[in-house]
Each structure stands twice: as C-alpha cells, then as structure tokens.
Amino acid sequence: MPIKVRIPTPLAKLTGGKLEVRSEGRNVRELIDNLDRQYDGTKERLLDESGNVRRFVNIYVGGEDIRFSEGLDTSVNEDSEVSIVPAIAGG
C-alpha cells in the first residue's frame, strides 16, 4: 500500500531531488523506517536519539499534526497523505 509522502526541500537531497515520494507502513513509525531504507539518512533527520520526532520537525497525516494525535503510532493507509514540514521560527 504505497502512501504519498511530501518531502520538504531541505530533505530532497536525500530523495534525489524528489519532493514527493511513496512508501509503506501501517503507522508513521513504520513509514519513517521504510523511508530510511529507501532514502538513507531520512530517519536521523526526522527523529532524535530517543526516537521522538525532532523538535523542529512537524509531521502531518491528512493535515493533522501527529503530535495532537497518536504521535508516531498514528495510523496511515494508502489514502493517507503525509507531509513532513520543518518548523519555522522567527522574531
């Protein structure tokens, strides 16, 4: 079940310049693991040493921030659209 994943420009160097890729998984955690197998280095850019989503990375499933859902255990399916968005800070 391929899931559409939108990749932010800063990570596109890992995906050969692709801003949209397809991967598989039953939840966001499995999806990230599979993305890392396809595009080495993805997981370390998205998750910290403890396995949590990095502070300045937001992941959305169907427009909903996974932090306000089930986190990395948020379910995904072939109809899901997952967006990885770097947080922007300013002042």
PDB file of N, CA and C in Angstrom:
ATOM      1  N   MET A   1       0.826  -1.185   0.000  1.00  0.00           N
ATOM      2  CA  MET A   1       0.000   0.000   0.000  1.00  0.00           C
ATOM      3  C   MET A   1       0.870   1.248   0.000  1.00  0.00           C
ATOM      4  N   PRO A   2       1.164   1.804  -1.126  1.00  0.00           N
ATOM      5  CA  PRO A   2       2.023   2.987  -1.183  1.00  0.00           C
ATOM      6  C   PRO A   2       1.307   4.227  -0.651  1.00  0.00           C
ATOM      7  N   ILE A   3       2.012   4.965   0.172  1.00  0.00           N
ATOM      8  CA  ILE A   3       1.496   6.169   0.802  1.00  0.00           C
ATOM      9  C   ILE A   3       2.274   7.359   0.267  1.00  0.00           C
ATOM     10  N   LYS A   4       1.550   8.410  -0.101  1.00  0.00           N
ATOM     11  CA  LYS A   4       2.192   9.617  -0.620  1.00  0.00           C
ATOM     12  C   LYS A   4       2.810  10.403   0.535  1.00  0.00           C
ATOM     13  N   VAL A   5       4.093  10.735   0.395  1.00  0.00           N
ATOM     14  CA  VAL A   5       4.803  11.496   1.415  1.00  0.00           C
ATOM     15  C   VAL A   5       5.400  12.735   0.756  1.00  0.00           C
ATOM     16  N   ARG A   6       5.038  13.886   1.285  1.00  0.00           N
ATOM     17  CA  ARG A   6       5.600  15.153   0.786  1.00  0.00           C
ATOM     18  C   ARG A   6       6.875  15.456   1.568  1.00  0.00           C
ATOM     19  N   ILE A   7       7.931  15.707   0.824  1.00  0.00           N
ATOM     20  CA  ILE A   7       9.267  15.914   1.390  1.00  0.00           C
ATOM     21  C   ILE A   7       9.611  17.403   1.328  1.00  0.00           C
ATOM     22  N   PRO A   8      10.106  17.983   2.417  1.00  0.00           N
ATOM     23  CA  PRO A   8      10.499  19.397   2.365  1.00  0.00           C
ATOM     24  C   PRO A   8      11.793  19.566   1.565  1.00  0.00           C
ATOM     25  N   THR A   9      11.950  20.713   0.971  1.00  0.00           N
ATOM     26  CA  THR A   9      13.124  20.996   0.139  1.00  0.00           C
ATOM     27  C   THR A   9      14.450  20.666   0.842  1.00  0.00           C
ATOM     28  N   PRO A  10      14.636  21.002   2.134  1.00  0.00           N
ATOM     29  CA  PRO A  10      15.911  20.678   2.774  1.00  0.00           C
ATOM     30  C   PRO A  10      16.233  19.181   2.813  1.00  0.00           C
ATOM     31  N   LEU A  11      15.224  18.314   2.733  1.00  0.00           N
ATOM     32  CA  LEU A  11      15.473  16.867   2.753  1.00  0.00           C
ATOM     33  C   LEU A  11      15.482  16.245   1.367  1.00  0.00           C
ATOM     34  N   ALA A  12      15.170  17.029   0.362  1.00  0.00           N
ATOM     35  CA  ALA A  12      15.088  16.499  -1.005  1.00  0.00           C
ATOM     36  C   ALA A  12      16.426  15.964  -1.498  1.00  0.00           C
ATOM     37  N   LYS A  13      17.531  16.422  -0.921  1.00  0.00           N
ATOM     38  CA  LYS A  13      18.832  15.882  -1.339  1.00  0.00           C
ATOM     39  C   LYS A  13      18.923  14.390  -1.017  1.00  0.00           C
ATOM     40  N   LEU A  14      18.177  13.932  -0.008  1.00  0.00           N
ATOM     41  CA  LEU A  14      18.168  12.511   0.348  1.00  0.00           C
ATOM     42  C   LEU A  14      17.322  11.680  -0.612  1.00  0.00           C
ATOM     43  N   THR A  15      16.366  12.330  -1.270  1.00  0.00           N
ATOM     44  CA  THR A  15      15.436  11.610  -2.154  1.00  0.00           C
ATOM     45  C   THR A  15      15.747  11.854  -3.624  1.00  0.00           C
ATOM     46  N   GLY A  16      16.952  12.298  -3.904  1.00  0.00           N
ATOM     47  CA  GLY A  16      17.334  12.553  -5.292  1.00  0.00           C
ATOM     48  C   GLY A  16      16.589  13.734  -5.899  1.00  0.00           C
ATOM     49  N   GLY A  17      16.205  14.689  -5.052  1.00  0.00           N
ATOM     50  CA  GLY A  17      15.525  15.886  -5.527  1.00  0.00           C
ATOM     51  C   GLY A  17      14.011  15.764  -5.574  1.00  0.00           C
ATOM     52  N   LYS A  18      13.486  14.601  -5.243  1.00  0.00           N
ATOM     53  CA  LYS A  18      12.030  14.401  -5.279  1.00  0.00           C
ATOM     54  C   LYS A  18      11.374  15.075  -4.074  1.00  0.00           C
ATOM     55  N   LEU A  19      10.315  15.836  -4.336  1.00  0.00           N
ATOM     56  CA  LEU A  19       9.569  16.493  -3.271  1.00  0.00           C
ATOM     57  C   LEU A  19       8.337  15.683  -2.868  1.00  0.00           C
ATOM     58  N   GLU A  20       8.120  14.602  -3.591  1.00  0.00           N
ATOM     59  CA  GLU A  20       7.039  13.688  -3.248  1.00  0.00           C
ATOM     60  C   GLU A  20       7.514  12.271  -3.555  1.00  0.00           C
ATOM     61  N   VAL A  21       7.388  11.402  -2.563  1.00  0.00           N
ATOM     62  CA  VAL A  21       7.782  10.009  -2.732  1.00  0.00           C
ATOM     63  C   VAL A  21       6.644   9.120  -2.229  1.00  0.00           C
ATOM     64  N   ARG A  22       6.776   7.844  -2.472  1.00  0.00           N
ATOM     65  CA  ARG A  22       5.792   6.874  -1.958  1.00  0.00           C
ATOM     66  C   ARG A  22       6.535   5.836  -1.134  1.00  0.00           C
ATOM     67  N   SER A  23       5.913   5.468  -0.026  1.00  0.00           N
ATOM     68  CA  SER A  23       6.487   4.449   0.836  1.00  0.00           C
ATOM     69  C   SER A  23       5.338   3.687   1.486  1.00  0.00           C
ATOM     70  N   GLU A  24       5.682   2.781   2.399  1.00  0.00           N
ATOM     71  CA  GLU A  24       4.663   1.932   3.020  1.00  0.00           C
ATOM     72  C   GLU A  24       4.809   1.911   4.524  1.00  0.00           C
ATOM     73  N   GLY A  25       3.735   1.518   5.195  1.00  0.00           N
ATOM     74  CA  GLY A  25       3.723   1.371   6.634  1.00  0.00           C
ATOM     75  C   GLY A  25       2.302   1.403   7.142  1.00  0.00           C
ATOM     76  N   ARG A  26       2.103   0.843   8.325  1.00  0.00           N
ATOM     77  CA  ARG A  26       0.774   0.870   8.939  1.00  0.00           C
ATOM     78  C   ARG A  26       0.590   2.099   9.810  1.00  0.00           C
ATOM     79  N   ASN A  27       1.735   2.685  10.229  1.00  0.00           N
ATOM     80  CA  ASN A  27       1.696   3.905  11.033  1.00  0.00           C
ATOM     81  C   ASN A  27       2.910   4.759  10.664  1.00  0.00           C
ATOM     82  N   VAL A  28       2.995   5.936  11.249  1.00  0.00           N
ATOM     83  CA  VAL A  28       4.066   6.871  10.889  1.00  0.00           C
ATOM     84  C   VAL A  28       5.433   6.285  11.228  1.00  0.00           C
ATOM     85  N   ARG A  29       5.537   5.581  12.317  1.00  0.00           N
ATOM     86  CA  ARG A  29       6.826   4.975  12.706  1.00  0.00           C
ATOM     87  C   ARG A  29       7.332   4.011  11.627  1.00  0.00           C
ATOM     88  N   GLU A  30       6.446   3.109  11.167  1.00  0.00           N
ATOM     89  CA  GLU A  30       6.830   2.162  10.113  1.00  0.00           C
ATOM     90  C   GLU A  30       7.128   2.896   8.809  1.00  0.00           C
ATOM     91  N   LEU A  31       6.369   3.918   8.531  1.00  0.00           N
ATOM     92  CA  LEU A  31       6.590   4.706   7.319  1.00  0.00           C
ATOM     93  C   LEU A  31       7.983   5.332   7.332  1.00  0.00           C
ATOM     94  N   ILE A  32       8.381   5.904   8.459  1.00  0.00           N
ATOM     95  CA  ILE A  32       9.718   6.510   8.580  1.00  0.00           C
ATOM     96  C   ILE A  32      10.795   5.444   8.452  1.00  0.00           C
ATOM     97  N   ASP A  33      10.600   4.287   9.066  1.00  0.00           N
ATOM     98  CA  ASP A  33      11.576   3.196   8.939  1.00  0.00           C
ATOM     99  C   ASP A  33      11.747   2.800   7.470  1.00  0.00           C
ATOM    100  N   ASN A  34      10.638   2.689   6.747  1.00  0.00           N
ATOM    101  CA  ASN A  34      10.715   2.314   5.335  1.00  0.00           C
ATOM    102  C   ASN A  34      11.307   3.432   4.485  1.00  0.00           C
ATOM    103  N   LEU A  35      10.981   4.674   4.810  1.00  0.00           N
ATOM    104  CA  LEU A  35      11.604   5.797   4.095  1.00  0.00           C
ATOM    105  C   LEU A  35      13.117   5.763   4.271  1.00  0.00           C
ATOM    106  N   ASP A  36      13.561   5.447   5.483  1.00  0.00           N
ATOM    107  CA  ASP A  36      15.001   5.398   5.746  1.00  0.00           C
ATOM    108  C   ASP A  36      15.675   4.274   4.966  1.00  0.00           C
ATOM    109  N   ARG A  37      14.970   3.156   4.772  1.00  0.00           N
ATOM    110  CA  ARG A  37      15.535   2.080   3.949  1.00  0.00           C
ATOM    111  C   ARG A  37      15.638   2.508   2.486  1.00  0.00           C
ATOM    112  N   GLN A  38      14.657   3.267   2.037  1.00  0.00           N
ATOM    113  CA  GLN A  38      14.661   3.742   0.652  1.00  0.00           C
ATOM    114  C   GLN A  38      15.633   4.903   0.449  1.00  0.00           C
ATOM    115  N   TYR A  39      15.678   5.795   1.424  1.00  0.00           N
ATOM    116  CA  TYR A  39      16.468   7.026   1.326  1.00  0.00           C
ATOM    117  C   TYR A  39      17.273   7.175   2.609  1.00  0.00           C
ATOM    118  N   ASP A  40      18.446   6.592   2.606  1.00  0.00           N
ATOM    119  CA  ASP A  40      19.306   6.542   3.784  1.00  0.00           C
ATOM    120  C   ASP A  40      19.519   7.926   4.400  1.00  0.00           C
ATOM    121  N   GLY A  41      19.366   7.999   5.710  1.00  0.00           N
ATOM    122  CA  GLY A  41      19.591   9.245   6.434  1.00  0.00           C
ATOM    123  C   GLY A  41      18.307   9.980   6.779  1.00  0.00           C
ATOM    124  N   THR A  42      17.191   9.524   6.231  1.00  0.00           N
ATOM    125  CA  THR A  42      15.918  10.199   6.487  1.00  0.00           C
ATOM    126  C   THR A  42      15.548  10.141   7.962  1.00  0.00           C
ATOM    127  N   LYS A  43      15.638   8.975   8.549  1.00  0.00           N
ATOM    128  CA  LYS A  43      15.213   8.782   9.937  1.00  0.00           C
ATOM    129  C   LYS A  43      15.992   9.678  10.898  1.00  0.00           C
ATOM    130  N   GLU A  44      17.300   9.762  10.721  1.00  0.00           N
ATOM    131  CA  GLU A  44      18.100  10.578  11.645  1.00  0.00           C
ATOM    132  C   GLU A  44      17.788  12.062  11.513  1.00  0.00           C
ATOM    133  N   ARG A  45      17.270  12.482  10.370  1.00  0.00           N
ATOM    134  CA  ARG A  45      16.876  13.888  10.193  1.00  0.00           C
ATOM    135  C   ARG A  45      15.512  14.170  10.826  1.00  0.00           C
ATOM    136  N   LEU A  46      14.673  13.120  10.939  1.00  0.00           N
ATOM    137  CA  LEU A  46      13.319  13.306  11.451  1.00  0.00           C
ATOM    138  C   LEU A  46      13.174  13.000  12.935  1.00  0.00           C
ATOM    139  N   LEU A  47      13.948  12.013  13.427  1.00  0.00           N
ATOM    140  CA  LEU A  47      13.822  11.577  14.817  1.00  0.00           C
ATOM    141  C   LEU A  47      15.097  11.857  15.597  1.00  0.00           C
ATOM    142  N   ASP A  48      14.935  12.154  16.886  1.00  0.00           N
ATOM    143  CA  ASP A  48      16.096  12.393  17.732  1.00  0.00           C
ATOM    144  C   ASP A  48      16.661  11.074  18.262  1.00  0.00           C
ATOM    145  N   GLU A  49      17.656  11.166  19.129  1.00  0.00           N
ATOM    146  CA  GLU A  49      18.338   9.986  19.660  1.00  0.00           C
ATOM    147  C   GLU A  49      17.399   9.082  20.460  1.00  0.00           C
ATOM    148  N   SER A  50      16.329   9.659  20.996  1.00  0.00           N
ATOM    149  CA  SER A  50      15.359   8.895  21.785  1.00  0.00           C
ATOM    150  C   SER A  50      14.254   8.289  20.930  1.00  0.00           C
ATOM    151  N   GLY A  51      14.296   8.564  19.631  1.00  0.00           N
ATOM    152  CA  GLY A  51      13.282   8.019  18.739  1.00  0.00           C
ATOM    153  C   GLY A  51      12.025   8.857  18.642  1.00  0.00           C
ATOM    154  N   ASN A  52      12.082  10.083  19.153  1.00  0.00           N
ATOM    155  CA  ASN A  52      10.946  11.000  19.071  1.00  0.00           C
ATOM    156  C   ASN A  52      11.129  11.958  17.900  1.00  0.00           C
ATOM    157  N   VAL A  53      10.024  12.486  17.407  1.00  0.00           N
ATOM    158  CA  VAL A  53      10.104  13.464  16.321  1.00  0.00           C
ATOM    159  C   VAL A  53      10.895  14.668  16.820  1.00  0.00           C
ATOM    160  N   ARG A  54      11.865  15.084  16.016  1.00  0.00           N
ATOM    161  CA  ARG A  54      12.696  16.230  16.403  1.00  0.00           C
ATOM    162  C   ARG A  54      11.823  17.457  16.647  1.00  0.00           C
ATOM    163  N   ARG A  55      12.282  18.292  17.535  1.00  0.00           N
ATOM    164  CA  ARG A  55      11.529  19.474  17.970  1.00  0.00           C
ATOM    165  C   ARG A  55      11.120  20.375  16.816  1.00  0.00           C
ATOM    166  N   PHE A  56      11.992  20.533  15.834  1.00  0.00           N
ATOM    167  CA  PHE A  56      11.716  21.459  14.741  1.00  0.00           C
ATOM    168  C   PHE A  56      11.254  20.759  13.466  1.00  0.00           C
ATOM    169  N   VAL A  57      10.656  19.588  13.642  1.00  0.00           N
ATOM    170  CA  VAL A  57      10.062  18.857  12.516  1.00  0.00           C
ATOM    171  C   VAL A  57       8.600  18.611  12.857  1.00  0.00           C
ATOM    172  N   ASN A  58       7.729  18.896  11.915  1.00  0.00           N
ATOM    173  CA  ASN A  58       6.303  18.607  12.076  1.00  0.00           C
ATOM    174  C   ASN A  58       5.905  17.577  11.033  1.00  0.00           C
ATOM    175  N   ILE A  59       5.116  16.608  11.449  1.00  0.00           N
ATOM    176  CA  ILE A  59       4.625  15.594  10.526  1.00  0.00           C
ATOM    177  C   ILE A  59       3.103  15.607  10.594  1.00  0.00           C
ATOM    178  N   TYR A  60       2.496  15.716   9.421  1.00  0.00           N
ATOM    179  CA  TYR A  60       1.044  15.791   9.316  1.00  0.00           C
ATOM    180  C   TYR A  60       0.527  14.593   8.536  1.00  0.00           C
ATOM    181  N   VAL A  61      -0.561  14.018   9.006  1.00  0.00           N
ATOM    182  CA  VAL A  61      -1.265  12.969   8.280  1.00  0.00           C
ATOM    183  C   VAL A  61      -2.653  13.521   7.986  1.00  0.00           C
ATOM    184  N   GLY A  62      -2.947  13.697   6.708  1.00  0.00           N
ATOM    185  CA  GLY A  62      -4.244  14.265   6.338  1.00  0.00           C
ATOM    186  C   GLY A  62      -4.453  15.657   6.889  1.00  0.00           C
ATOM    187  N   GLY A  63      -3.391  16.431   7.012  1.00  0.00           N
ATOM    188  CA  GLY A  63      -3.491  17.796   7.510  1.00  0.00           C
ATOM    189  C   GLY A  63      -3.496  17.924   9.026  1.00  0.00           C
ATOM    190  N   GLU A  64      -3.430  16.801   9.748  1.00  0.00           N
ATOM    191  CA  GLU A  64      -3.441  16.822  11.212  1.00  0.00           C
ATOM    192  C   GLU A  64      -2.043  16.539  11.756  1.00  0.00           C
ATOM    193  N   ASP A  65      -1.573  17.401  12.647  1.00  0.00           N
ATOM    194  CA  ASP A  65      -0.270  17.233  13.276  1.00  0.00           C
ATOM    195  C   ASP A  65      -0.297  15.972  14.143  1.00  0.00           C
ATOM    196  N   ILE A  66       0.652  15.057  13.913  1.00  0.00           N
ATOM    197  CA  ILE A  66       0.652  13.793  14.662  1.00  0.00           C
ATOM    198  C   ILE A  66       0.900  14.014  16.151  1.00  0.00           C
ATOM    199  N   ARG A  67       1.463  15.146  16.530  1.00  0.00           N
ATOM    200  CA  ARG A  67       1.682  15.421  17.955  1.00  0.00           C
ATOM    201  C   ARG A  67       0.363  15.530  18.715  1.00  0.00           C
ATOM    202  N   PHE A  68      -0.691  15.886  17.993  1.00  0.00           N
ATOM    203  CA  PHE A  68      -2.003  16.024  18.626  1.00  0.00           C
ATOM    204  C   PHE A  68      -2.884  14.815  18.344  1.00  0.00           C
ATOM    205  N   SER A  69      -2.284  13.777  17.835  1.00  0.00           N
ATOM    206  CA  SER A  69      -2.991  12.536  17.540  1.00  0.00           C
ATOM    207  C   SER A  69      -2.303  11.434  18.335  1.00  0.00           C
ATOM    208  N   GLU A  70      -1.850  10.403  17.676  1.00  0.00           N
ATOM    209  CA  GLU A  70      -1.185   9.295  18.357  1.00  0.00           C
ATOM    210  C   GLU A  70       0.322   9.300  18.144  1.00  0.00           C
ATOM    211  N   GLY A  71       0.870  10.449  17.790  1.00  0.00           N
ATOM    212  CA  GLY A  71       2.307  10.546  17.585  1.00  0.00           C
ATOM    213  C   GLY A  71       2.769   9.618  16.481  1.00  0.00           C
ATOM    214  N   LEU A  72       3.893   8.969  16.691  1.00  0.00           N
ATOM    215  CA  LEU A  72       4.449   8.062  15.684  1.00  0.00           C
ATOM    216  C   LEU A  72       3.574   6.836  15.455  1.00  0.00           C
ATOM    217  N   ASP A  73       2.640   6.582  16.359  1.00  0.00           N
ATOM    218  CA  ASP A  73       1.724   5.460  16.200  1.00  0.00           C
ATOM    219  C   ASP A  73       0.470   5.841  15.417  1.00  0.00           C
ATOM    220  N   THR A  74       0.417   7.062  14.910  1.00  0.00           N
ATOM    221  CA  THR A  74      -0.714   7.495  14.096  1.00  0.00           C
ATOM    222  C   THR A  74      -0.820   6.602  12.864  1.00  0.00           C
ATOM    223  N   SER A  75      -1.983   6.055  12.647  1.00  0.00           N
ATOM    224  CA  SER A  75      -2.215   5.143  11.525  1.00  0.00           C
ATOM    225  C   SER A  75      -2.163   5.866  10.184  1.00  0.00           C
ATOM    226  N   VAL A  76      -1.667   5.149   9.182  1.00  0.00           N
ATOM    227  CA  VAL A  76      -1.683   5.639   7.809  1.00  0.00           C
ATOM    228  C   VAL A  76      -2.181   4.501   6.918  1.00  0.00           C
ATOM    229  N   ASN A  77      -2.716   4.871   5.771  1.00  0.00           N
ATOM    230  CA  ASN A  77      -3.144   3.874   4.791  1.00  0.00           C
ATOM    231  C   ASN A  77      -2.907   4.446   3.405  1.00  0.00           C
ATOM    232  N   GLU A  78      -3.245   3.686   2.388  1.00  0.00           N
ATOM    233  CA  GLU A  78      -2.934   4.107   1.017  1.00  0.00           C
ATOM    234  C   GLU A  78      -3.625   5.396   0.609  1.00  0.00           C
ATOM    235  N   ASP A  79      -4.678   5.796   1.332  1.00  0.00           N
ATOM    236  CA  ASP A  79      -5.354   7.058   1.044  1.00  0.00           C
ATOM    237  C   ASP A  79      -4.740   8.232   1.803  1.00  0.00           C
ATOM    238  N   SER A  80      -3.833   7.928   2.723  1.00  0.00           N
ATOM    239  CA  SER A  80      -3.229   8.976   3.542  1.00  0.00           C
ATOM    240  C   SER A  80      -2.254   9.816   2.725  1.00  0.00           C
ATOM    241  N   GLU A  81      -2.186  11.078   3.091  1.00  0.00           N
ATOM    242  CA  GLU A  81      -1.162  11.959   2.562  1.00  0.00           C
ATOM    243  C   GLU A  81      -0.373  12.465   3.760  1.00  0.00           C
ATOM    244  N   VAL A  82       0.918  12.190   3.751  1.00  0.00           N
ATOM    245  CA  VAL A  82       1.782  12.558   4.863  1.00  0.00           C
ATOM    246  C   VAL A  82       2.685  13.701   4.407  1.00  0.00           C
ATOM    247  N   SER A  83       2.735  14.740   5.225  1.00  0.00           N
ATOM    248  CA  SER A  83       3.591  15.894   4.921  1.00  0.00           C
ATOM    249  C   SER A  83       4.607  16.063   6.035  1.00  0.00           C
ATOM    250  N   ILE A  84       5.854  16.211   5.651  1.00  0.00           N
ATOM    251  CA  ILE A  84       6.930  16.491   6.579  1.00  0.00           C
ATOM    252  C   ILE A  84       7.252  17.964   6.393  1.00  0.00           C
ATOM    253  N   VAL A  85       7.137  18.732   7.478  1.00  0.00           N
ATOM    254  CA  VAL A  85       7.287  20.178   7.383  1.00  0.00           C
ATOM    255  C   VAL A  85       8.273  20.655   8.451  1.00  0.00           C
ATOM    256  N   PRO A  86       9.367  21.300   8.033  1.00  0.00           N
ATOM    257  CA  PRO A  86      10.260  21.855   9.046  1.00  0.00           C
ATOM    258  C   PRO A  86       9.586  23.051   9.682  1.00  0.00           C
ATOM    259  N   ALA A  87       9.723  23.165  11.018  1.00  0.00           N
ATOM    260  CA  ALA A  87       9.156  24.300  11.734  1.00  0.00           C
ATOM    261  C   ALA A  87       9.968  25.546  11.380  1.00  0.00           C
ATOM    262  N   ILE A  88       9.267  26.649  11.325  1.00  0.00           N
ATOM    263  CA  ILE A  88       9.928  27.916  11.001  1.00  0.00           C
ATOM    264  C   ILE A  88       9.813  28.815  12.214  1.00  0.00           C
ATOM    265  N   ALA A  89      10.947  29.320  12.653  1.00  0.00           N
ATOM    266  CA  ALA A  89      10.969  30.232  13.792  1.00  0.00           C
ATOM    267  C   ALA A  89      11.423  31.604  13.303  1.00  0.00           C
ATOM    268  N   GLY A  90      10.942  32.580  13.927  1.00  0.00           N
ATOM    269  CA  GLY A  90      11.339  33.929  13.529  1.00  0.00           C
ATOM    270  C   GLY A  90      11.164  34.873  14.686  1.00  0.00           C
ATOM    271  N   GLY A  91      11.565  36.073  14.430  1.00  0.00           N
ATOM    272  CA  GLY A  91      11.422  37.005  15.528  1.00  0.00           C
ATOM    273  C   GLY A  91      11.594  38.409  15.087  1.00  0.00           C
TER     274      GLY A  91
END
